[in-house]
Amino acid sequence: MVPHGYRGTVLLSCQTESETNVSTSVDNLGSGSLPTCPTKRTHIYVVQDGRTTLIDDAQWNKTGDGHLTGIRFAIP
């Protein structure tokens, strides 16, 4: 869930990985956290003002040893 009228970068942080689908909300600055990040690339959907949009250009942020630490994408 993205706040009404938000435009810009969204950064979702996470500490662990899991195969479970999760959802979260971001604040007015585009920051949020997930209880877990997906273990592999998956579809990311944004809900804003009652509309659902598929995000095509997400960056998967990883540590040097390959652990996923977050997901970054833009809301145009």
N, C-alpha and C. Protein backbone atom coordinates (compact mmCIF):
# COMPACT_ATOMS: atom_id res chain seq x y z
N MET A 1 0.85 -1.17 0.00
CA MET A 1 0.00 0.00 0.00
C MET A 1 0.90 1.24 0.00
N VAL A 2 0.60 2.14 -0.92
CA VAL A 2 1.35 3.39 -1.06
C VAL A 2 0.39 4.54 -0.75
N PRO A 3 0.86 5.56 0.00
CA PRO A 3 -0.02 6.67 0.37
C PRO A 3 -0.60 7.40 -0.85
N HIS A 4 -1.76 7.99 -0.66
CA HIS A 4 -2.44 8.77 -1.69
C HIS A 4 -1.49 9.81 -2.28
N GLY A 5 -1.39 9.82 -3.60
CA GLY A 5 -0.61 10.83 -4.30
C GLY A 5 0.90 10.68 -4.25
N TYR A 6 1.42 9.64 -3.59
CA TYR A 6 2.87 9.48 -3.49
C TYR A 6 3.49 9.21 -4.86
N ARG A 7 4.56 9.91 -5.14
CA ARG A 7 5.37 9.70 -6.35
C ARG A 7 6.83 9.73 -5.92
N GLY A 8 7.61 8.79 -6.42
CA GLY A 8 9.03 8.74 -6.09
C GLY A 8 9.48 7.32 -5.83
N THR A 9 10.62 7.20 -5.18
CA THR A 9 11.25 5.91 -4.90
C THR A 9 10.64 5.28 -3.66
N VAL A 10 10.42 3.98 -3.74
CA VAL A 10 9.97 3.19 -2.60
C VAL A 10 11.09 2.24 -2.23
N LEU A 11 11.42 2.17 -0.96
CA LEU A 11 12.44 1.24 -0.47
C LEU A 11 11.83 0.38 0.63
N LEU A 12 11.77 -0.92 0.36
CA LEU A 12 11.28 -1.89 1.32
C LEU A 12 12.46 -2.67 1.85
N SER A 13 12.66 -2.66 3.15
CA SER A 13 13.78 -3.40 3.74
C SER A 13 13.26 -4.68 4.37
N CYS A 14 14.16 -5.65 4.51
CA CYS A 14 13.81 -6.91 5.16
C CYS A 14 15.07 -7.52 5.77
N GLN A 15 14.86 -8.40 6.73
CA GLN A 15 15.97 -9.04 7.43
C GLN A 15 16.18 -10.48 7.00
N THR A 16 15.11 -11.16 6.60
CA THR A 16 15.20 -12.57 6.23
C THR A 16 14.46 -12.81 4.92
N GLU A 17 14.60 -14.01 4.40
CA GLU A 17 13.93 -14.41 3.17
C GLU A 17 12.98 -15.56 3.45
N SER A 18 11.91 -15.63 2.65
CA SER A 18 10.92 -16.69 2.80
C SER A 18 10.17 -16.85 1.49
N GLU A 19 9.50 -17.98 1.32
CA GLU A 19 8.69 -18.20 0.13
C GLU A 19 7.24 -17.75 0.34
N THR A 20 6.94 -17.19 1.49
CA THR A 20 5.60 -16.73 1.81
C THR A 20 5.35 -15.35 1.21
N ASN A 21 4.19 -15.14 0.59
CA ASN A 21 3.82 -13.82 0.09
C ASN A 21 3.46 -12.92 1.25
N VAL A 22 3.95 -11.68 1.21
CA VAL A 22 3.67 -10.73 2.28
C VAL A 22 3.25 -9.39 1.69
N SER A 23 2.65 -8.57 2.52
CA SER A 23 2.29 -7.22 2.09
C SER A 23 2.68 -6.25 3.19
N THR A 24 2.77 -4.97 2.82
CA THR A 24 3.14 -3.94 3.78
C THR A 24 2.65 -2.60 3.26
N SER A 25 2.78 -1.60 4.08
CA SER A 25 2.47 -0.22 3.70
C SER A 25 3.73 0.60 3.81
N VAL A 26 3.83 1.64 2.99
CA VAL A 26 4.97 2.55 3.09
C VAL A 26 4.51 3.89 3.63
N ASP A 27 5.45 4.64 4.19
CA ASP A 27 5.12 5.94 4.75
C ASP A 27 5.18 7.02 3.68
N ASN A 28 4.98 8.26 4.07
CA ASN A 28 4.96 9.39 3.13
C ASN A 28 6.31 9.65 2.48
N LEU A 29 7.37 9.03 3.00
CA LEU A 29 8.71 9.17 2.43
C LEU A 29 9.08 8.00 1.52
N GLY A 30 8.17 7.02 1.39
CA GLY A 30 8.43 5.86 0.53
C GLY A 30 9.18 4.75 1.21
N SER A 31 9.26 4.77 2.53
CA SER A 31 9.98 3.72 3.27
C SER A 31 9.01 2.75 3.91
N GLY A 32 9.40 1.49 3.89
CA GLY A 32 8.61 0.45 4.53
C GLY A 32 9.48 -0.74 4.82
N SER A 33 8.94 -1.69 5.53
CA SER A 33 9.69 -2.91 5.80
C SER A 33 8.78 -4.10 5.61
N LEU A 34 9.38 -5.19 5.22
CA LEU A 34 8.67 -6.45 5.04
C LEU A 34 9.12 -7.40 6.14
N PRO A 35 8.21 -8.23 6.66
CA PRO A 35 8.65 -9.22 7.64
C PRO A 35 9.69 -10.16 7.02
N THR A 36 9.49 -10.49 5.73
CA THR A 36 10.46 -11.30 4.98
C THR A 36 10.43 -10.84 3.53
N CYS A 37 11.54 -10.99 2.86
CA CYS A 37 11.60 -10.75 1.41
C CYS A 37 11.45 -12.09 0.71
N PRO A 38 10.96 -12.08 -0.53
CA PRO A 38 10.84 -13.34 -1.26
C PRO A 38 12.20 -13.97 -1.55
N THR A 39 12.26 -15.29 -1.53
CA THR A 39 13.52 -15.98 -1.78
C THR A 39 13.96 -15.88 -3.23
N LYS A 40 13.02 -15.60 -4.13
CA LYS A 40 13.36 -15.41 -5.55
C LYS A 40 12.50 -14.28 -6.09
N ARG A 41 12.92 -13.77 -7.24
CA ARG A 41 12.16 -12.67 -7.86
C ARG A 41 10.71 -13.07 -8.04
N THR A 42 9.86 -12.14 -7.77
CA THR A 42 8.42 -12.38 -7.86
C THR A 42 7.74 -11.12 -8.35
N HIS A 43 6.46 -11.19 -8.60
CA HIS A 43 5.71 -10.01 -9.01
C HIS A 43 5.50 -9.10 -7.81
N ILE A 44 5.65 -7.81 -8.04
CA ILE A 44 5.39 -6.81 -7.01
C ILE A 44 4.22 -5.97 -7.49
N TYR A 45 3.21 -5.88 -6.64
CA TYR A 45 2.03 -5.09 -6.94
C TYR A 45 1.94 -3.93 -5.95
N VAL A 46 1.61 -2.75 -6.47
CA VAL A 46 1.40 -1.58 -5.63
C VAL A 46 -0.08 -1.25 -5.64
N VAL A 47 -0.62 -1.00 -4.46
CA VAL A 47 -2.00 -0.54 -4.34
C VAL A 47 -1.96 0.91 -3.89
N GLN A 48 -2.57 1.77 -4.70
CA GLN A 48 -2.62 3.20 -4.39
C GLN A 48 -3.95 3.75 -4.85
N ASP A 49 -4.63 4.42 -3.96
CA ASP A 49 -5.93 5.03 -4.26
C ASP A 49 -6.91 4.01 -4.85
N GLY A 50 -6.86 2.77 -4.34
CA GLY A 50 -7.78 1.73 -4.77
C GLY A 50 -7.42 1.03 -6.07
N ARG A 51 -6.31 1.44 -6.70
CA ARG A 51 -5.88 0.80 -7.95
C ARG A 51 -4.65 -0.06 -7.69
N THR A 52 -4.57 -1.20 -8.36
CA THR A 52 -3.44 -2.10 -8.24
C THR A 52 -2.62 -2.04 -9.52
N THR A 53 -1.30 -1.86 -9.36
CA THR A 53 -0.39 -1.74 -10.50
C THR A 53 0.77 -2.71 -10.33
N LEU A 54 1.11 -3.43 -11.40
CA LEU A 54 2.27 -4.32 -11.41
C LEU A 54 3.53 -3.48 -11.62
N ILE A 55 4.55 -3.69 -10.80
CA ILE A 55 5.83 -2.98 -10.93
C ILE A 55 6.76 -3.84 -11.78
N ASP A 56 7.27 -3.23 -12.87
CA ASP A 56 8.12 -3.98 -13.80
C ASP A 56 9.62 -3.81 -13.54
N ASP A 57 10.03 -2.74 -12.90
CA ASP A 57 11.46 -2.41 -12.85
C ASP A 57 12.01 -2.35 -11.43
N ALA A 58 11.69 -3.32 -10.60
CA ALA A 58 12.19 -3.34 -9.23
C ALA A 58 13.65 -3.78 -9.18
N GLN A 59 14.41 -3.16 -8.27
CA GLN A 59 15.79 -3.57 -7.99
C GLN A 59 15.77 -4.43 -6.74
N TRP A 60 16.48 -5.53 -6.78
CA TRP A 60 16.57 -6.42 -5.64
C TRP A 60 17.93 -6.17 -4.98
N ASN A 61 17.93 -5.52 -3.84
CA ASN A 61 19.17 -5.15 -3.15
C ASN A 61 19.70 -6.35 -2.36
N LYS A 62 20.97 -6.69 -2.64
CA LYS A 62 21.57 -7.86 -1.99
C LYS A 62 22.92 -7.48 -1.38
N THR A 63 23.30 -8.25 -0.38
CA THR A 63 24.63 -8.10 0.21
C THR A 63 25.65 -8.73 -0.74
N GLY A 64 26.92 -8.56 -0.43
CA GLY A 64 27.98 -9.14 -1.26
C GLY A 64 27.91 -10.65 -1.36
N ASP A 65 27.35 -11.30 -0.33
CA ASP A 65 27.25 -12.76 -0.37
C ASP A 65 25.87 -13.23 -0.84
N GLY A 66 25.07 -12.32 -1.41
CA GLY A 66 23.83 -12.71 -2.06
C GLY A 66 22.56 -12.69 -1.23
N HIS A 67 22.62 -12.24 0.02
CA HIS A 67 21.42 -12.19 0.84
C HIS A 67 20.59 -10.95 0.49
N LEU A 68 19.31 -11.16 0.27
CA LEU A 68 18.41 -10.07 -0.08
C LEU A 68 18.15 -9.20 1.14
N THR A 69 18.35 -7.89 1.00
CA THR A 69 18.16 -6.96 2.10
C THR A 69 17.00 -5.99 1.87
N GLY A 70 16.53 -5.92 0.62
CA GLY A 70 15.43 -5.01 0.33
C GLY A 70 15.10 -4.96 -1.13
N ILE A 71 14.02 -4.24 -1.40
CA ILE A 71 13.53 -4.08 -2.76
C ILE A 71 13.28 -2.59 -2.99
N ARG A 72 13.74 -2.08 -4.13
CA ARG A 72 13.60 -0.66 -4.45
C ARG A 72 12.91 -0.55 -5.82
N PHE A 73 11.97 0.39 -5.90
CA PHE A 73 11.29 0.67 -7.17
C PHE A 73 10.73 2.07 -7.14
N ALA A 74 10.31 2.55 -8.29
CA ALA A 74 9.79 3.92 -8.41
C ALA A 74 8.31 3.91 -8.71
N ILE A 75 7.62 4.90 -8.15
CA ILE A 75 6.23 5.17 -8.48
C ILE A 75 6.25 6.44 -9.32
N PRO A 76 5.96 6.34 -10.63
CA PRO A 76 6.04 7.52 -11.50
C PRO A 76 4.92 8.52 -11.25
